[in-house]
Amino acid sequence: MVCARAALGPGALWAVACGVLLLAAAAEAQRGRKKVVHVLEGESGSVVVQTAPGQVVSHRGGTIVLPCRYHYEAATHGHDGVRLKWTKVVDPLAFADVFVALGPQHRAFGSYRGRAELQGDGPGDASLVLRNVTLQDYGRYECEVTNELEDDTGMVKLDLEGVVFPYHPRGGRYKLTFAEAQRACAEQDGILASAEQLHAAWRDGLDWCNAGWLRDGSVQYPVSQPREPCGGLGGAGSAGAGGGASGGVRNYGYRHNAEERYDAFCFTSNLPGRVFFLKPLRPVPFSGAARACAARGAAVAKVGQLFAAWKLQLLDRCTAGWLADGSARYPIVNPRARCGGRRPGVRSLGFPDASRRLFGVYCYRAPGAPDPAPGGWGWGWAGGGGWAGGARDPAAWTPLRV
């Protein structure tokens, strides 16, 4: 940029005008640029923290490095006496301690004990290694570096590969307060989904016309196929690319979490074990499902475990089976007409009469659990006898080696 002196006017006025133009040009040049490193200019020796832009991605049970490095603007400072602290952002203004290090003294807190440690890849490396990642580890982490009176921070977002699934209990729809929704997800091997996770699931095709709680206390629902009963054909109230005719995520905003009741959107990730379908010699009522799975060294699968097996292990079975909450469902990876429609997903038969409706059962076997040889177990009564036209109560069956 070139500043030319005006033909008329005091020199002082020209200098001020030229300076304003230079500042405006510099601001325009910086506009739109994404700053990755926060630099405290004009203070020699100030500490500068750098974290990875975007996010790092892992899965339940995995190991991940939360990257963070620091340096000084002046070379006169050393790395002795530097305190490194990692915290997790649990609310916009609330943090939970994760890990702190001062020289050779290191300490992890809470559920991070035994799982978190510094990477220690040379001077200036404050990266945190997190092992055996859990669902609760999802979120934003702050890396803080402090030396005497100088400090700087950087933010790292940890995302998880997984699946979002809608959930309501046997009592019916719109029965859960926010706290009850949290418990319901935990009981089904999940956590409340975040708004970002629900939006990603919507982009992946999730279409659900019932509002549910999310982790931040908001109530939303995803609509991939716009229709009048589900927020109309578009316009206000939808978030996401396209809005209007392409659907979106309908948003009720933040609701009273102790008084208002909705469903829940849960999130789960990678399964450490395996889900399989078990068809006993005869279908069983819900009361016999646990014994059926126990005979194969397993437990009745939870809803989140079936969704994870469908999404991440590609479990495909066109047969309904009991799950731990008393619902009957089945997973479809390859849609076909006789299996509930043209889209993949986990089909639900709701909550059938637990004493009368007879199904197989979906079981979950944890890693290391014994796997009896196929066909090595059957069902019967220890005193002998047979089905006898249904005179025997299936709920009283016990597993017998055959």
Protein backbone atom coordinates (compact mmCIF):
# COMPACT_ATOMS: atom_id res chain seq x y z
CA MET A 1 0.00 0.00 0.00
CA VAL A 2 1.26 3.52 -0.85
CA CYS A 3 0.32 6.63 1.18
CA ALA A 4 0.49 9.91 -0.77
CA ARG A 5 0.54 13.28 0.96
CA ALA A 6 -2.56 15.30 0.21
CA ALA A 7 -2.00 18.49 -1.72
CA LEU A 8 -3.66 20.52 1.03
CA GLY A 9 -3.84 19.94 4.80
CA PRO A 10 -1.48 19.84 7.76
CA GLY A 11 1.25 17.19 7.84
CA ALA A 12 -0.04 15.84 11.15
CA LEU A 13 -3.44 15.15 9.66
CA TRP A 14 -1.79 13.30 6.79
CA ALA A 15 0.22 11.11 9.19
CA VAL A 16 -2.85 10.13 11.18
CA ALA A 17 -4.86 9.35 8.06
CA CYS A 18 -2.05 7.22 6.62
CA GLY A 19 -1.67 5.30 9.89
CA VAL A 20 -5.39 4.52 9.99
CA LEU A 21 -5.24 3.21 6.43
CA LEU A 22 -2.29 0.96 7.26
CA LEU A 23 -4.07 -0.52 10.30
CA ALA A 24 -7.21 -1.09 8.25
CA ALA A 25 -5.21 -2.88 5.55
CA ALA A 26 -3.51 -5.09 8.13
CA ALA A 27 -6.86 -5.98 9.72
CA GLU A 28 -8.31 -6.81 6.31
CA ALA A 29 -5.37 -9.09 5.53
CA GLN A 30 -5.92 -11.00 8.78
CA ARG A 31 -9.68 -11.28 8.38
CA GLY A 32 -10.84 -14.85 7.83
CA ARG A 33 -7.51 -16.44 8.80
CA LYS A 34 -7.77 -19.21 11.40
CA LYS A 35 -5.27 -18.78 14.24
CA VAL A 36 -3.85 -22.05 15.50
CA VAL A 37 -1.18 -20.69 17.85
CA HIS A 38 -1.88 -17.95 20.39
CA VAL A 39 1.09 -15.56 20.52
CA LEU A 40 1.50 -12.90 23.19
CA GLU A 41 3.28 -10.25 21.15
CA GLY A 42 5.61 -7.70 22.63
CA GLU A 43 6.50 -9.74 25.74
CA SER A 44 9.88 -11.36 25.35
CA GLY A 45 9.98 -14.79 26.93
CA SER A 46 6.21 -15.41 26.94
CA VAL A 47 5.17 -19.06 26.70
CA VAL A 48 3.28 -20.16 23.57
CA VAL A 49 1.09 -23.30 23.44
CA GLN A 50 0.20 -25.04 20.19
CA THR A 51 -2.46 -27.74 19.81
CA ALA A 52 -3.77 -29.57 16.76
CA PRO A 53 -6.56 -27.80 14.85
CA GLY A 54 -9.81 -29.66 14.37
CA GLN A 55 -10.19 -32.82 16.42
CA VAL A 56 -8.60 -36.17 17.18
CA VAL A 57 -10.69 -39.31 16.74
CA SER A 58 -10.59 -42.60 18.63
CA HIS A 59 -13.00 -45.32 19.73
CA ARG A 60 -13.95 -47.02 22.97
CA GLY A 61 -11.07 -49.15 24.21
CA GLY A 62 -8.51 -47.42 22.00
CA THR A 63 -5.39 -45.36 22.77
CA ILE A 64 -5.13 -41.74 21.65
CA VAL A 65 -2.63 -38.88 21.93
CA LEU A 66 -4.01 -35.42 22.71
CA PRO A 67 -1.34 -33.26 21.02
CA CYS A 68 0.08 -30.20 22.80
CA ARG A 69 3.48 -28.52 22.46
CA TYR A 70 4.90 -25.31 23.91
CA HIS A 71 7.88 -23.04 23.36
CA TYR A 72 9.17 -19.62 24.40
CA GLU A 73 9.49 -16.50 22.29
CA ALA A 74 12.94 -15.96 23.82
CA ALA A 75 15.60 -18.65 24.09
CA THR A 76 16.63 -17.56 27.59
CA HIS A 77 13.96 -19.68 29.28
CA GLY A 78 14.43 -23.35 30.11
CA HIS A 79 11.86 -26.11 30.65
CA ASP A 80 12.61 -26.63 34.35
CA GLY A 81 9.88 -25.57 36.74
CA VAL A 82 7.16 -25.70 34.08
CA ARG A 83 3.74 -26.94 35.22
CA LEU A 84 1.65 -28.86 32.69
CA LYS A 85 -2.04 -29.27 33.39
CA TRP A 86 -4.81 -31.01 31.47
CA THR A 87 -8.46 -30.39 32.27
CA LYS A 88 -11.72 -31.43 30.63
CA VAL A 89 -14.41 -28.90 29.81
CA VAL A 90 -17.61 -30.26 31.39
CA ASP A 91 -19.61 -27.02 31.08
CA PRO A 92 -18.84 -23.68 29.40
CA LEU A 93 -17.39 -22.39 32.69
CA ALA A 94 -16.63 -25.66 34.53
CA PHE A 95 -13.55 -27.88 34.27
CA ALA A 96 -12.60 -31.29 35.68
CA ASP A 97 -8.95 -32.08 36.48
CA VAL A 98 -7.42 -34.79 34.29
CA PHE A 99 -3.63 -34.69 34.73
CA VAL A 100 -0.96 -32.41 36.19
CA ALA A 101 2.85 -32.57 36.02
CA LEU A 102 5.50 -30.44 37.70
CA GLY A 103 9.01 -31.67 37.00
CA PRO A 104 9.21 -35.38 37.89
CA GLN A 105 5.94 -35.28 39.84
CA HIS A 106 2.93 -36.49 37.84
CA ARG A 107 -0.63 -37.11 38.93
CA ALA A 108 -3.81 -38.25 37.17
CA PHE A 109 -7.26 -37.65 38.64
CA GLY A 110 -10.50 -39.60 38.96
CA SER A 111 -11.29 -42.08 36.20
CA TYR A 112 -8.07 -41.06 34.38
CA ARG A 113 -5.85 -42.73 37.00
CA GLY A 114 -3.86 -45.52 35.41
CA ARG A 115 -4.89 -44.42 31.92
CA ALA A 116 -3.30 -40.98 31.39
CA GLU A 117 0.40 -40.14 31.05
CA LEU A 118 2.60 -37.62 29.28
CA GLN A 119 3.99 -38.61 25.91
CA GLY A 120 7.34 -36.98 26.82
CA ASP A 121 8.67 -36.71 23.28
CA GLY A 122 11.46 -34.26 24.03
CA PRO A 123 11.50 -30.71 25.50
CA GLY A 124 8.33 -28.75 24.94
CA ASP A 125 6.08 -31.79 24.51
CA ALA A 126 3.00 -31.61 26.77
CA SER A 127 0.96 -34.17 24.80
CA LEU A 128 -1.24 -36.50 26.84
CA VAL A 129 -1.53 -40.22 26.09
CA LEU A 130 -4.95 -41.60 27.01
CA ARG A 131 -5.39 -45.38 27.08
CA ASN A 132 -8.51 -47.54 27.18
CA VAL A 133 -10.70 -44.69 25.97
CA THR A 134 -14.24 -44.71 27.43
CA LEU A 135 -17.49 -43.18 26.22
CA GLN A 136 -17.21 -40.58 28.97
CA ASP A 137 -13.85 -39.38 27.59
CA TYR A 138 -15.58 -37.71 24.64
CA GLY A 139 -15.34 -33.91 24.76
CA ARG A 140 -12.99 -30.92 24.87
CA TYR A 141 -9.71 -30.82 26.78
CA GLU A 142 -7.57 -27.83 27.75
CA CYS A 143 -3.78 -27.99 27.83
CA GLU A 144 -2.30 -25.32 30.13
CA VAL A 145 1.42 -24.55 30.44
CA THR A 146 2.59 -22.30 33.29
CA ASN A 147 6.08 -20.94 34.01
CA GLU A 148 6.35 -18.51 36.93
CA LEU A 149 3.85 -15.75 36.04
CA GLU A 150 3.48 -16.66 32.37
CA ASP A 151 0.99 -19.15 30.97
CA ASP A 152 -0.89 -20.06 27.83
CA THR A 153 -3.53 -22.65 26.94
CA GLY A 154 -4.69 -24.65 23.94
CA MET A 155 -7.82 -26.71 23.28
CA VAL A 156 -8.10 -30.28 21.90
CA LYS A 157 -11.39 -31.97 20.97
CA LEU A 158 -11.61 -35.75 21.37
CA ASP A 159 -14.26 -37.37 19.16
CA LEU A 160 -15.30 -41.02 19.10
CA GLU A 161 -16.33 -43.30 16.27
CA GLY A 162 -19.73 -44.74 17.03
CA VAL A 163 -23.47 -44.60 16.47
CA VAL A 164 -26.35 -42.45 17.75
CA PHE A 165 -29.61 -44.24 18.60
CA PRO A 166 -32.97 -42.93 19.84
CA TYR A 167 -34.33 -44.49 23.00
CA HIS A 168 -37.43 -44.55 25.18
CA PRO A 169 -38.25 -47.04 27.96
CA ARG A 170 -41.16 -49.46 28.27
CA GLY A 171 -43.31 -46.75 29.89
CA GLY A 172 -43.75 -44.99 26.55
CA ARG A 173 -42.55 -41.89 24.74
CA TYR A 174 -41.78 -38.55 26.34
CA LYS A 175 -41.37 -40.03 29.83
CA LEU A 176 -37.79 -39.02 30.68
CA THR A 177 -36.43 -36.00 32.52
CA PHE A 178 -32.87 -35.01 31.66
CA ALA A 179 -31.39 -37.02 34.58
CA GLU A 180 -33.56 -40.02 33.72
CA ALA A 181 -32.42 -39.81 30.11
CA GLN A 182 -28.78 -39.89 31.27
CA ARG A 183 -29.48 -43.03 33.33
CA ALA A 184 -31.44 -44.68 30.51
CA CYS A 185 -28.53 -44.26 28.08
CA ALA A 186 -26.04 -45.58 30.66
CA GLU A 187 -28.23 -48.65 31.28
CA GLN A 188 -28.20 -49.39 27.54
CA ASP A 189 -24.40 -49.11 27.17
CA GLY A 190 -24.31 -45.51 26.03
CA ILE A 191 -24.19 -41.85 26.99
CA LEU A 192 -26.36 -38.93 25.95
CA ALA A 193 -25.30 -37.84 22.47
CA SER A 194 -23.90 -34.39 21.82
CA ALA A 195 -25.49 -31.95 19.38
CA GLU A 196 -22.51 -32.49 17.04
CA GLN A 197 -22.99 -36.26 17.13
CA LEU A 198 -26.71 -35.96 16.39
CA HIS A 199 -25.99 -33.61 13.48
CA ALA A 200 -23.45 -36.08 12.07
CA ALA A 201 -26.00 -38.91 12.43
CA TRP A 202 -28.57 -36.79 10.57
CA ARG A 203 -26.09 -36.25 7.73
CA ASP A 204 -25.66 -40.03 7.70
CA GLY A 205 -29.40 -40.50 7.22
CA LEU A 206 -30.88 -40.72 10.73
CA ASP A 207 -34.58 -39.84 10.57
CA TRP A 208 -36.56 -39.80 13.82
CA CYS A 209 -39.76 -37.89 14.44
CA ASN A 210 -39.60 -37.75 18.26
CA ALA A 211 -37.71 -35.16 20.26
CA GLY A 212 -35.01 -36.29 22.68
CA TRP A 213 -32.57 -34.93 25.23
CA LEU A 214 -28.95 -34.24 24.27
CA ARG A 215 -25.89 -33.90 26.49
CA ASP A 216 -25.99 -30.11 26.65
CA GLY A 217 -29.57 -30.09 27.96
CA SER A 218 -31.15 -29.18 24.65
CA VAL A 219 -33.97 -31.12 22.99
CA GLN A 220 -33.71 -31.88 19.27
CA TYR A 221 -34.59 -34.47 16.63
CA PRO A 222 -33.29 -35.28 13.13
CA VAL A 223 -35.50 -35.30 10.04
CA SER A 224 -34.02 -36.62 6.80
CA GLN A 225 -37.38 -36.96 5.05
CA PRO A 226 -39.42 -33.79 5.71
CA ARG A 227 -43.13 -34.27 6.40
CA GLU A 228 -45.88 -32.30 8.09
CA PRO A 229 -46.08 -34.29 11.36
CA CYS A 230 -42.31 -33.82 11.90
CA GLY A 231 -41.87 -30.06 12.00
CA GLY A 232 -43.33 -29.35 8.58
CA LEU A 233 -41.59 -29.31 5.24
CA GLY A 234 -38.75 -27.04 6.33
CA GLY A 235 -37.99 -23.47 7.26
CA ALA A 236 -37.58 -22.19 10.80
CA GLY A 237 -36.61 -24.60 13.53
CA SER A 238 -34.27 -26.73 11.46
CA ALA A 239 -30.53 -26.74 11.56
CA GLY A 240 -28.20 -28.29 9.07
CA ALA A 241 -27.25 -28.05 5.42
CA GLY A 242 -30.20 -27.32 3.22
CA GLY A 243 -32.81 -26.85 5.95
CA GLY A 244 -36.11 -26.68 4.02
CA ALA A 245 -36.84 -29.49 1.65
CA SER A 246 -33.73 -31.44 2.64
CA GLY A 247 -34.82 -31.71 6.26
CA GLY A 248 -32.60 -30.85 9.18
CA VAL A 249 -32.19 -31.16 12.91
CA ARG A 250 -35.26 -29.63 14.58
CA ASN A 251 -34.31 -27.80 17.76
CA TYR A 252 -36.54 -27.07 20.76
CA GLY A 253 -33.69 -25.26 22.50
CA TYR A 254 -32.71 -25.73 26.14
CA ARG A 255 -35.55 -27.12 28.25
CA HIS A 256 -36.29 -27.37 31.98
CA ASN A 257 -34.32 -30.52 32.75
CA ALA A 258 -36.19 -31.48 35.94
CA GLU A 259 -39.78 -30.89 34.83
CA GLU A 260 -40.07 -31.45 31.09
CA ARG A 261 -40.00 -34.96 29.66
CA TYR A 262 -38.82 -36.26 26.30
CA ASP A 263 -37.07 -39.30 24.81
CA ALA A 264 -33.27 -39.59 24.66
CA PHE A 265 -30.67 -39.69 21.92
CA CYS A 266 -27.86 -41.96 23.09
CA PHE A 267 -24.39 -42.55 21.70
CA THR A 268 -22.26 -45.68 21.89
CA SER A 269 -18.94 -46.73 20.38
CA ASN A 270 -16.83 -49.78 19.56
CA LEU A 271 -17.73 -53.08 21.25
CA PRO A 272 -14.94 -54.94 23.05
CA GLY A 273 -16.92 -58.17 22.76
CA ARG A 274 -19.40 -59.72 20.33
CA VAL A 275 -23.18 -59.74 19.89
CA PHE A 276 -24.78 -62.88 18.43
CA PHE A 277 -28.29 -64.20 17.91
CA LEU A 278 -29.28 -67.30 19.84
CA LYS A 279 -32.24 -69.38 18.77
CA PRO A 280 -32.95 -71.99 21.46
CA LEU A 281 -34.63 -75.28 20.62
CA ARG A 282 -37.88 -73.42 21.16
CA PRO A 283 -38.44 -69.64 21.35
CA VAL A 284 -38.46 -68.33 24.91
CA PRO A 285 -40.36 -65.64 26.82
CA PHE A 286 -38.36 -62.73 28.20
CA SER A 287 -37.95 -64.49 31.54
CA GLY A 288 -35.95 -67.24 29.84
CA ALA A 289 -33.68 -64.97 27.80
CA ALA A 290 -31.02 -64.51 30.49
CA ARG A 291 -30.70 -68.27 31.05
CA ALA A 292 -30.47 -68.86 27.31
CA CYS A 293 -27.52 -66.45 26.99
CA ALA A 294 -25.88 -67.69 30.22
CA ALA A 295 -25.77 -71.19 28.75
CA ARG A 296 -23.49 -69.78 26.06
CA GLY A 297 -21.24 -67.81 28.43
CA ALA A 298 -22.99 -64.52 27.62
CA ALA A 299 -25.56 -62.01 28.86
CA VAL A 300 -28.63 -60.58 27.16
CA ALA A 301 -27.44 -57.75 24.90
CA LYS A 302 -28.32 -54.15 25.66
CA VAL A 303 -29.86 -51.84 23.07
CA GLY A 304 -26.63 -49.88 22.61
CA GLN A 305 -24.67 -53.10 22.13
CA LEU A 306 -27.01 -54.22 19.35
CA PHE A 307 -26.73 -50.82 17.62
CA ALA A 308 -22.93 -50.94 17.89
CA ALA A 309 -22.86 -54.49 16.49
CA TRP A 310 -25.09 -53.40 13.60
CA LYS A 311 -23.13 -50.26 12.76
CA LEU A 312 -19.55 -51.29 13.52
CA GLN A 313 -19.56 -55.10 13.22
CA LEU A 314 -22.15 -55.24 10.40
CA LEU A 315 -24.45 -57.65 12.23
CA ASP A 316 -27.35 -58.50 9.90
CA ARG A 317 -30.17 -60.74 11.10
CA CYS A 318 -33.78 -60.75 9.90
CA THR A 319 -35.09 -62.31 13.11
CA ALA A 320 -36.42 -60.48 16.15
CA GLY A 321 -34.88 -61.25 19.52
CA TRP A 322 -35.15 -60.13 23.13
CA LEU A 323 -32.87 -57.43 24.51
CA ALA A 324 -32.03 -56.59 28.11
CA ASP A 325 -34.63 -53.81 28.47
CA GLY A 326 -37.48 -56.14 27.44
CA SER A 327 -37.72 -54.85 23.88
CA ALA A 328 -37.53 -57.01 20.76
CA ARG A 329 -35.39 -55.80 17.85
CA TYR A 330 -33.29 -57.00 14.93
CA PRO A 331 -30.42 -55.44 12.91
CA ILE A 332 -30.51 -55.03 9.12
CA VAL A 333 -27.39 -54.07 7.16
CA ASN A 334 -28.62 -55.23 3.74
CA PRO A 335 -32.27 -54.11 3.38
CA ARG A 336 -34.77 -56.49 1.80
CA ALA A 337 -38.52 -56.27 1.46
CA ARG A 338 -39.39 -58.98 3.99
CA CYS A 339 -37.11 -57.47 6.65
CA GLY A 340 -38.78 -54.16 7.37
CA GLY A 341 -38.19 -51.81 4.50
CA ARG A 342 -35.63 -50.38 2.11
CA ARG A 343 -33.23 -48.69 4.54
CA PRO A 344 -30.65 -50.27 6.84
CA GLY A 345 -31.17 -49.91 10.57
CA VAL A 346 -32.20 -51.63 13.77
CA ARG A 347 -35.88 -52.57 13.52
CA SER A 348 -37.98 -52.45 16.68
CA LEU A 349 -41.06 -54.44 17.66
CA GLY A 350 -41.46 -52.31 20.77
CA PHE A 351 -41.95 -53.98 24.14
CA PRO A 352 -43.99 -57.16 23.60
CA ASP A 353 -45.84 -58.99 26.36
CA ALA A 354 -42.92 -60.54 28.24
CA SER A 355 -44.87 -63.66 29.24
CA ARG A 356 -46.63 -64.51 25.98
CA ARG A 357 -44.55 -63.43 23.02
CA LEU A 358 -41.78 -65.90 22.24
CA PHE A 359 -38.57 -64.93 20.46
CA GLY A 360 -34.95 -65.84 20.23
CA VAL A 361 -32.48 -63.61 22.06
CA TYR A 362 -29.51 -61.40 21.20
CA CYS A 363 -26.60 -62.15 23.52
CA TYR A 364 -23.41 -60.26 24.30
CA ARG A 365 -20.21 -62.12 25.13
CA ALA A 366 -17.47 -60.06 26.75
CA PRO A 367 -13.82 -60.60 25.73
CA GLY A 368 -12.31 -63.64 27.40
CA ALA A 369 -15.65 -65.23 28.30
CA PRO A 370 -15.88 -68.97 27.60
CA ASP A 371 -17.54 -69.99 24.36
CA PRO A 372 -19.22 -73.42 24.72
CA ALA A 373 -19.03 -75.53 21.60
CA PRO A 374 -21.99 -74.95 19.27
CA GLY A 375 -24.62 -77.60 19.80
CA GLY A 376 -23.14 -78.56 23.17
CA TRP A 377 -26.06 -77.12 25.10
CA GLY A 378 -29.81 -77.63 24.97
CA TRP A 379 -32.83 -76.87 27.12
CA GLY A 380 -34.91 -79.12 29.35
CA TRP A 381 -35.72 -80.04 32.93
CA ALA A 382 -33.26 -81.74 35.22
CA GLY A 383 -35.87 -84.39 36.06
CA GLY A 384 -36.32 -85.35 32.43
CA GLY A 385 -39.46 -85.09 30.38
CA GLY A 386 -40.20 -83.08 27.29
CA TRP A 387 -42.29 -80.30 25.88
CA ALA A 388 -45.46 -82.25 26.61
CA GLY A 389 -47.63 -80.03 24.48
CA GLY A 390 -46.65 -76.92 26.39
CA ALA A 391 -47.57 -78.31 29.81
CA ARG A 392 -44.12 -77.46 31.10
CA ASP A 393 -43.31 -73.83 31.87
CA PRO A 394 -40.47 -72.60 29.59
CA ALA A 395 -39.49 -70.09 32.26
CA ALA A 396 -38.38 -73.01 34.42
CA TRP A 397 -36.01 -74.47 31.82
CA THR A 398 -32.38 -74.95 32.77
CA PRO A 399 -29.43 -75.43 30.40
CA LEU A 400 -28.44 -79.07 30.01
CA ARG A 401 -25.50 -80.54 28.13
CA VAL A 402 -26.70 -82.70 25.26
